[in-house]
């Protein structure tokens, strides 16, 4: 059983900062990639940022220069540092882990329960 537990969401004023954390637990061989997605009301879920086991990162254009994704492989934890937050960043943020349960199995996606981020103007 694999679990992703998120923390760090909340309410912040525009221009403020928040840091999201997501820790993976359970039995698995390796986490290949971790990422953060978000879904605002009435919109589709979108990838915000992702990071590979080798620390390569990619970001959606709207957060480049403001958000930083990082991971601690030893702790199976991914972080999202969000600075200069804007009202349009308001959404439920979901953690994703793409992992292998066993060395011989393919990749599977696991999701956290979501954490609300609200940015007031």
N, C-alpha and C. Protein backbone atom coordinates (compact mmCIF):
# COMPACT_ATOMS: atom_id res chain seq x y z
N UNK A 1 0.85 -1.18 0.00
CA UNK A 1 0.00 0.00 0.00
C UNK A 1 0.89 1.24 0.00
N UNK A 2 0.70 2.09 -1.00
CA UNK A 2 1.47 3.32 -1.11
C UNK A 2 0.59 4.49 -0.72
N UNK A 3 1.13 5.36 0.11
CA UNK A 3 0.40 6.56 0.52
C UNK A 3 1.23 7.80 0.27
N UNK A 4 0.55 8.84 -0.20
CA UNK A 4 1.18 10.15 -0.34
C UNK A 4 0.44 11.10 0.60
N UNK A 5 1.17 11.72 1.49
CA UNK A 5 0.55 12.62 2.46
C UNK A 5 1.11 14.02 2.25
N UNK A 6 0.21 14.94 1.96
CA UNK A 6 0.58 16.32 1.68
C UNK A 6 0.36 17.20 2.89
N UNK A 7 1.10 18.29 2.92
CA UNK A 7 0.90 19.29 3.97
C UNK A 7 1.41 20.64 3.46
N UNK A 8 0.96 21.71 4.12
CA UNK A 8 1.50 23.02 3.83
C UNK A 8 0.58 23.98 3.12
N UNK A 9 -0.61 23.55 2.73
CA UNK A 9 -1.52 24.47 2.07
C UNK A 9 -2.07 25.49 3.06
N UNK A 10 -2.86 26.43 2.53
CA UNK A 10 -3.45 27.41 3.40
C UNK A 10 -3.86 28.67 2.66
N UNK A 11 -4.14 29.71 3.44
CA UNK A 11 -4.57 30.99 2.90
C UNK A 11 -3.43 31.99 3.05
N UNK A 12 -3.14 32.70 1.98
CA UNK A 12 -2.06 33.66 1.99
C UNK A 12 -2.45 34.85 1.12
N UNK A 13 -1.90 36.01 1.44
CA UNK A 13 -2.16 37.19 0.61
C UNK A 13 -1.29 37.16 -0.63
N UNK A 14 -1.73 37.85 -1.65
CA UNK A 14 -0.95 37.96 -2.87
C UNK A 14 0.44 38.51 -2.55
N UNK A 15 1.44 37.90 -3.17
CA UNK A 15 2.82 38.27 -2.91
C UNK A 15 3.48 37.43 -1.83
N UNK A 16 2.68 36.66 -1.12
CA UNK A 16 3.20 35.83 -0.04
C UNK A 16 3.77 34.52 -0.54
N UNK A 17 4.15 33.68 0.43
CA UNK A 17 4.80 32.41 0.12
C UNK A 17 4.16 31.27 0.90
N UNK A 18 4.23 30.10 0.32
CA UNK A 18 3.84 28.86 0.99
C UNK A 18 4.79 27.76 0.54
N UNK A 19 4.94 26.76 1.39
CA UNK A 19 5.75 25.60 1.04
C UNK A 19 4.92 24.35 1.24
N UNK A 20 4.76 23.59 0.17
CA UNK A 20 4.04 22.33 0.22
C UNK A 20 5.03 21.18 0.36
N UNK A 21 4.61 20.17 1.11
CA UNK A 21 5.42 18.96 1.27
C UNK A 21 4.55 17.75 0.95
N UNK A 22 5.18 16.71 0.47
CA UNK A 22 4.47 15.46 0.19
C UNK A 22 5.42 14.30 0.47
N UNK A 23 5.03 13.45 1.39
CA UNK A 23 5.86 12.31 1.76
C UNK A 23 5.19 11.02 1.30
N UNK A 24 5.97 10.19 0.64
CA UNK A 24 5.48 8.88 0.19
C UNK A 24 5.88 7.81 1.19
N UNK A 25 4.96 6.92 1.48
CA UNK A 25 5.26 5.81 2.39
C UNK A 25 4.66 4.53 1.84
N UNK A 26 5.15 3.40 2.37
CA UNK A 26 4.65 2.11 1.91
C UNK A 26 5.77 1.29 1.29
N UNK A 27 5.37 0.27 0.60
CA UNK A 27 6.32 -0.66 0.01
C UNK A 27 6.42 -0.44 -1.49
N UNK A 28 7.58 -0.04 -1.95
CA UNK A 28 7.81 0.14 -3.38
C UNK A 28 9.30 0.06 -3.65
N UNK A 29 9.62 -0.17 -4.93
CA UNK A 29 11.02 -0.32 -5.31
C UNK A 29 11.70 1.03 -5.47
N UNK A 30 11.07 1.92 -6.25
CA UNK A 30 11.70 3.21 -6.52
C UNK A 30 10.68 4.22 -7.03
N UNK A 31 10.84 5.45 -6.61
CA UNK A 31 10.04 6.54 -7.16
C UNK A 31 10.84 7.19 -8.28
N UNK A 32 10.34 7.10 -9.48
CA UNK A 32 11.06 7.65 -10.62
C UNK A 32 10.88 9.16 -10.75
N UNK A 33 9.68 9.63 -10.57
CA UNK A 33 9.40 11.06 -10.70
C UNK A 33 8.34 11.46 -9.69
N UNK A 34 8.42 12.69 -9.27
CA UNK A 34 7.40 13.26 -8.38
C UNK A 34 7.00 14.61 -8.93
N UNK A 35 5.78 14.99 -8.66
CA UNK A 35 5.32 16.26 -9.19
C UNK A 35 4.16 16.82 -8.42
N UNK A 36 3.84 18.04 -8.78
CA UNK A 36 2.69 18.75 -8.21
C UNK A 36 1.76 19.17 -9.35
N UNK A 37 0.50 18.85 -9.18
CA UNK A 37 -0.54 19.27 -10.10
C UNK A 37 -1.48 20.18 -9.32
N UNK A 38 -2.29 20.94 -10.06
CA UNK A 38 -3.30 21.75 -9.39
C UNK A 38 -4.57 21.77 -10.23
N UNK A 39 -5.67 21.98 -9.52
CA UNK A 39 -6.96 22.07 -10.18
C UNK A 39 -7.76 23.18 -9.54
N UNK A 40 -8.07 24.18 -10.34
CA UNK A 40 -8.91 25.28 -9.89
C UNK A 40 -10.36 24.97 -10.24
N UNK A 41 -11.31 25.58 -9.57
CA UNK A 41 -12.72 25.31 -9.85
C UNK A 41 -13.06 25.57 -11.32
N UNK A 42 -13.70 24.59 -11.93
CA UNK A 42 -14.11 24.73 -13.32
C UNK A 42 -13.00 24.54 -14.33
N UNK A 43 -11.82 24.17 -13.87
CA UNK A 43 -10.69 23.99 -14.79
C UNK A 43 -10.15 22.58 -14.70
N UNK A 44 -9.41 22.19 -15.72
CA UNK A 44 -8.79 20.88 -15.73
C UNK A 44 -7.54 20.88 -14.84
N UNK A 45 -7.22 19.70 -14.36
CA UNK A 45 -6.00 19.56 -13.58
C UNK A 45 -4.80 19.81 -14.48
N UNK A 46 -3.82 20.57 -14.00
CA UNK A 46 -2.64 20.86 -14.80
C UNK A 46 -1.38 20.55 -14.00
N UNK A 47 -0.34 20.17 -14.74
CA UNK A 47 0.95 19.94 -14.12
C UNK A 47 1.57 21.30 -13.77
N UNK A 48 2.00 21.44 -12.54
CA UNK A 48 2.66 22.66 -12.09
C UNK A 48 4.17 22.51 -12.18
N UNK A 49 4.68 21.42 -11.62
CA UNK A 49 6.12 21.20 -11.61
C UNK A 49 6.38 19.72 -11.39
N UNK A 50 7.50 19.24 -11.94
CA UNK A 50 7.87 17.84 -11.77
C UNK A 50 9.38 17.74 -11.62
N UNK A 51 9.80 16.66 -10.97
CA UNK A 51 11.23 16.45 -10.75
C UNK A 51 11.51 14.95 -10.83
N UNK A 52 12.59 14.62 -11.53
CA UNK A 52 12.96 13.22 -11.69
C UNK A 52 13.86 12.77 -10.54
N UNK A 53 14.13 11.48 -10.52
CA UNK A 53 15.03 10.95 -9.48
C UNK A 53 16.42 11.55 -9.62
N UNK A 54 16.77 11.97 -10.83
CA UNK A 54 18.06 12.61 -11.08
C UNK A 54 18.05 14.11 -10.87
N UNK A 55 16.95 14.64 -10.34
CA UNK A 55 16.80 16.06 -9.99
C UNK A 55 16.56 16.98 -11.20
N UNK A 56 16.23 16.43 -12.35
CA UNK A 56 15.82 17.27 -13.47
C UNK A 56 14.41 17.79 -13.20
N UNK A 57 14.19 19.06 -13.53
CA UNK A 57 12.90 19.68 -13.21
C UNK A 57 12.25 20.29 -14.46
N UNK A 58 10.95 20.43 -14.39
CA UNK A 58 10.25 21.21 -15.39
C UNK A 58 9.05 21.88 -14.74
N UNK A 59 8.66 23.02 -15.28
CA UNK A 59 7.60 23.85 -14.71
C UNK A 59 6.64 24.32 -15.80
N UNK A 60 5.40 24.53 -15.40
CA UNK A 60 4.48 25.21 -16.30
C UNK A 60 4.93 26.66 -16.39
N UNK A 61 4.73 27.28 -17.55
CA UNK A 61 5.27 28.63 -17.78
C UNK A 61 4.79 29.64 -16.74
N UNK A 62 3.56 29.49 -16.28
CA UNK A 62 2.98 30.50 -15.40
C UNK A 62 3.63 30.56 -14.02
N UNK A 63 4.43 29.56 -13.65
CA UNK A 63 5.05 29.57 -12.32
C UNK A 63 6.57 29.68 -12.38
N UNK A 64 7.11 29.69 -13.58
CA UNK A 64 8.57 29.78 -13.71
C UNK A 64 9.09 31.06 -13.06
N UNK A 65 10.16 30.89 -12.29
CA UNK A 65 10.74 32.03 -11.58
C UNK A 65 10.09 32.32 -10.24
N UNK A 66 8.95 31.68 -9.96
CA UNK A 66 8.26 31.90 -8.69
C UNK A 66 8.22 30.64 -7.83
N UNK A 67 8.07 29.49 -8.45
CA UNK A 67 7.96 28.22 -7.73
C UNK A 67 9.24 27.41 -7.92
N UNK A 68 9.60 26.65 -6.90
CA UNK A 68 10.75 25.77 -6.96
C UNK A 68 10.37 24.40 -6.41
N UNK A 69 10.59 23.38 -7.23
CA UNK A 69 10.34 22.02 -6.78
C UNK A 69 11.66 21.38 -6.37
N UNK A 70 11.62 20.58 -5.32
CA UNK A 70 12.81 19.86 -4.88
C UNK A 70 12.37 18.54 -4.27
N UNK A 71 13.31 17.63 -4.11
CA UNK A 71 12.97 16.35 -3.51
C UNK A 71 14.13 15.83 -2.69
N UNK A 72 13.78 15.07 -1.68
CA UNK A 72 14.76 14.38 -0.84
C UNK A 72 14.54 12.90 -1.08
N UNK A 73 15.40 12.29 -1.86
CA UNK A 73 15.21 10.89 -2.23
C UNK A 73 15.29 9.97 -1.01
N UNK A 74 16.11 10.32 -0.05
CA UNK A 74 16.26 9.49 1.14
C UNK A 74 14.97 9.47 1.97
N UNK A 75 14.21 10.55 1.90
CA UNK A 75 12.96 10.65 2.67
C UNK A 75 11.73 10.42 1.80
N UNK A 76 11.92 10.16 0.51
CA UNK A 76 10.79 9.98 -0.41
C UNK A 76 9.81 11.15 -0.31
N UNK A 77 10.37 12.33 -0.28
CA UNK A 77 9.57 13.53 -0.07
C UNK A 77 9.85 14.55 -1.16
N UNK A 78 8.78 15.21 -1.60
CA UNK A 78 8.91 16.27 -2.59
C UNK A 78 8.35 17.54 -1.98
N UNK A 79 8.95 18.66 -2.36
CA UNK A 79 8.55 19.97 -1.84
C UNK A 79 8.22 20.91 -2.99
N UNK A 80 7.37 21.86 -2.72
CA UNK A 80 7.10 22.92 -3.68
C UNK A 80 7.13 24.25 -2.92
N UNK A 81 8.18 25.02 -3.16
CA UNK A 81 8.28 26.34 -2.58
C UNK A 81 7.61 27.32 -3.53
N UNK A 82 6.60 28.00 -3.03
CA UNK A 82 5.81 28.91 -3.86
C UNK A 82 5.99 30.34 -3.34
N UNK A 83 6.61 31.17 -4.16
CA UNK A 83 6.83 32.57 -3.80
C UNK A 83 6.05 33.48 -4.73
N UNK A 84 5.91 34.73 -4.32
CA UNK A 84 5.20 35.73 -5.15
C UNK A 84 3.86 35.18 -5.63
N UNK A 85 3.11 34.62 -4.72
CA UNK A 85 1.84 33.99 -5.07
C UNK A 85 0.85 35.01 -5.60
N UNK A 86 0.04 34.54 -6.55
CA UNK A 86 -0.98 35.37 -7.19
C UNK A 86 -2.35 34.73 -6.97
N UNK A 87 -3.41 35.53 -7.04
CA UNK A 87 -4.75 34.96 -6.88
C UNK A 87 -5.03 33.83 -7.87
N UNK A 88 -4.44 33.90 -9.05
CA UNK A 88 -4.67 32.84 -10.04
C UNK A 88 -3.96 31.53 -9.69
N UNK A 89 -3.15 31.54 -8.66
CA UNK A 89 -2.54 30.29 -8.17
C UNK A 89 -3.49 29.52 -7.25
N UNK A 90 -4.62 30.11 -6.93
CA UNK A 90 -5.59 29.45 -6.06
C UNK A 90 -6.10 28.18 -6.70
N UNK A 91 -5.98 27.08 -5.98
CA UNK A 91 -6.39 25.77 -6.51
C UNK A 91 -6.18 24.72 -5.42
N UNK A 92 -6.66 23.53 -5.70
CA UNK A 92 -6.26 22.37 -4.90
C UNK A 92 -5.01 21.79 -5.54
N UNK A 93 -3.98 21.62 -4.74
CA UNK A 93 -2.71 21.11 -5.23
C UNK A 93 -2.58 19.63 -4.86
N UNK A 94 -2.24 18.83 -5.85
CA UNK A 94 -2.12 17.38 -5.67
C UNK A 94 -0.68 16.94 -5.91
N UNK A 95 -0.22 16.10 -5.04
CA UNK A 95 1.09 15.48 -5.20
C UNK A 95 0.95 14.21 -6.04
N UNK A 96 1.91 13.98 -6.88
CA UNK A 96 1.94 12.77 -7.72
C UNK A 96 3.29 12.09 -7.60
N UNK A 97 3.25 10.78 -7.55
CA UNK A 97 4.49 9.99 -7.57
C UNK A 97 4.35 8.91 -8.64
N UNK A 98 5.31 8.86 -9.53
CA UNK A 98 5.34 7.81 -10.55
C UNK A 98 6.41 6.82 -10.10
N UNK A 99 5.98 5.62 -9.75
CA UNK A 99 6.91 4.71 -9.11
C UNK A 99 6.77 3.29 -9.61
N UNK A 100 7.74 2.49 -9.24
CA UNK A 100 7.72 1.05 -9.51
C UNK A 100 7.53 0.32 -8.18
N UNK A 101 6.51 -0.53 -8.15
CA UNK A 101 6.29 -1.29 -6.92
C UNK A 101 7.39 -2.33 -6.73
N UNK A 102 7.81 -2.94 -7.83
CA UNK A 102 8.88 -3.94 -7.80
C UNK A 102 9.86 -3.62 -8.92
N UNK A 103 11.06 -4.15 -8.82
CA UNK A 103 12.06 -3.91 -9.84
C UNK A 103 11.59 -4.38 -11.21
N UNK A 104 10.75 -5.40 -11.24
CA UNK A 104 10.33 -6.00 -12.50
C UNK A 104 8.99 -5.48 -13.00
N UNK A 105 8.36 -4.57 -12.29
CA UNK A 105 7.06 -4.06 -12.71
C UNK A 105 7.20 -2.71 -13.40
N UNK A 106 6.18 -2.34 -14.14
CA UNK A 106 6.17 -1.04 -14.78
C UNK A 106 5.82 0.07 -13.82
N UNK A 107 5.73 1.28 -14.36
CA UNK A 107 5.45 2.45 -13.53
C UNK A 107 3.95 2.58 -13.26
N UNK A 108 3.63 3.09 -12.09
CA UNK A 108 2.25 3.39 -11.73
C UNK A 108 2.21 4.77 -11.10
N UNK A 109 1.08 5.45 -11.30
CA UNK A 109 0.90 6.78 -10.72
C UNK A 109 0.10 6.69 -9.42
N UNK A 110 0.58 7.41 -8.42
CA UNK A 110 -0.13 7.52 -7.14
C UNK A 110 -0.33 9.00 -6.84
N UNK A 111 -1.44 9.27 -6.12
CA UNK A 111 -1.83 10.65 -5.87
C UNK A 111 -2.07 10.89 -4.39
N UNK A 112 -1.77 12.12 -3.97
CA UNK A 112 -2.15 12.54 -2.65
C UNK A 112 -3.60 12.98 -2.62
N UNK A 113 -4.07 13.34 -1.43
CA UNK A 113 -5.48 13.69 -1.26
C UNK A 113 -5.77 15.12 -1.68
N UNK A 114 -4.76 15.91 -1.86
CA UNK A 114 -4.94 17.30 -2.26
C UNK A 114 -4.89 18.24 -1.07
N UNK A 115 -4.34 19.42 -1.31
CA UNK A 115 -4.29 20.45 -0.27
C UNK A 115 -4.68 21.79 -0.90
N UNK A 116 -5.53 22.51 -0.21
CA UNK A 116 -6.06 23.76 -0.76
C UNK A 116 -5.05 24.89 -0.57
N UNK A 117 -4.83 25.62 -1.65
CA UNK A 117 -4.04 26.85 -1.60
C UNK A 117 -4.94 27.99 -2.07
N UNK A 118 -5.12 28.98 -1.22
CA UNK A 118 -5.96 30.12 -1.55
C UNK A 118 -5.14 31.40 -1.41
N UNK A 119 -5.11 32.17 -2.49
CA UNK A 119 -4.35 33.42 -2.50
C UNK A 119 -5.34 34.57 -2.63
N UNK A 120 -5.37 35.41 -1.63
CA UNK A 120 -6.30 36.55 -1.65
C UNK A 120 -5.63 37.78 -2.24
N UNK A 121 -6.45 38.59 -2.90
CA UNK A 121 -5.90 39.79 -3.55
C UNK A 121 -5.90 40.99 -2.62
